[in-house]
Amino acid sequence: MSIEVAPVRGPIAAGEEFRSGPPRIDLFALGGTIASVSKPGGAGADVGLTGEDLIGAVPALANIASVHVHSLRQVPSGDLTMADVFALADEIAQSIAKGVRGVVVTQGTDTLEEVAFVIDLLVDSDAPIVVTGAMRNASLPGADGPANVMAAVAVAASEAARGLGALVVLNDEVHAARFVRKRHATSTATFGSPLTGPLGQVVENRVRILVRPPGRLTIRLPRSRPTVKVALVPVTLDDEGDLLSSEALNSYQGAVVAAFGGGHVPRRLVSRLRSLSERVPVVIATRTFGGEMLRSTYAYPGGEMDLLAQGLIFAGAYDALHARILLQLLLMAGAGRDAIARAFDEGMTHTGHLIVEAQG
């Protein structure tokens, strides 16, 4: 199977089924804190609200759009699987093909940036696709779910948000899925984009987009969607590299190594990384939350210049979590080493729209 990295031939064509009347927004509910309520007797919170419950808590949505709900799952986001996200991406593509103005996904925040990035890579459309959630469940004072749903629908219905790829909207901020990270365990301002800051904001339900990314990357998977596993291996102080030589890695088809700083590891790990890379693609990312990988600063053994000379792939501006998702989808598409390296090098900064597509 050959892989071509080339300009996109065109996004999903929008249909005409929902072109009359107020903007139609399809909302896909997956569960999470935004759909959770406290149990009686102080027994903690659990998922219990449907998508209909979520929009019912925000009557003013009717002033913005006609929202139609699809309750796909009712689970904590840590229980979601890639199969769930692929099914979600398919549902989103079908809604867009029918002519909806935009799409909102509600889910838990624990895996929100990963789900949003998968959608960003797989759904080739200019229609706004917005992922949102909440940090406080619906039973708590100051629950943020209703406000986040309101802002997400406003963005999904906005012409200004078209062509930005998948977006994450919480706390009245608009973030690109490819840049965003969850930075705090409990804060309602947990999501941020270290490289760029937010793309925009929502003020009184008015959407203000202040920054537009230069381009985007789309991956078209084969219909068979082969199973691919990619490990995420952290590097730590006094690391002996045992995880890199673990038998458990034999069942993985790729690995992302969360390295120090701009792409550095202890020198004793270099031979293990080289051996692993002879079997599967190995991508070096940073274990920090932001910053692009270095290429020509440090020449010591285990520095980025040494690792590049060993043939390891560098993640560019993608952090370790995003790099794992990207490598997994590239391998599912059958990408070889050169296509993988180019996707990491250019996928975030290319001034246009690139596609990686399985051929044959």
Foldseek 3Di string as FASTA:
>chain_A
DAKDKDFDPAAQDAACQPVDDAFEEEEEEAAAQQQWDQDPPRPGIAHDHFPVRLVVVAVCVVVHGHYHYDYDHHHAPVPDDVVSLVVVLVVQSVNRNHHGQFYEYEHHPPCQLVSQLLSLAAHGFQQEYEYEYWLHHPHDPPTFRNVQVLLRSLLRNDPVSGPQGYWYTFPFFIARSQFWDQCDNRDSPRIFGVVPTTQFGADPSDTDGNDGFLEAEYEYFPPVQDDAAEEEAEADPPDQQVVLVDPVCVRHQEYEYAYADQFFHPLNCLVSVLVSCVRHAYEYFHPDSWDFHDAPDDDPRRHNVNNVVSVHAYQGGGHRSSLRSLVRRCVSQVHDDVVNNCCSNPRRHPNHYIYIHRDD
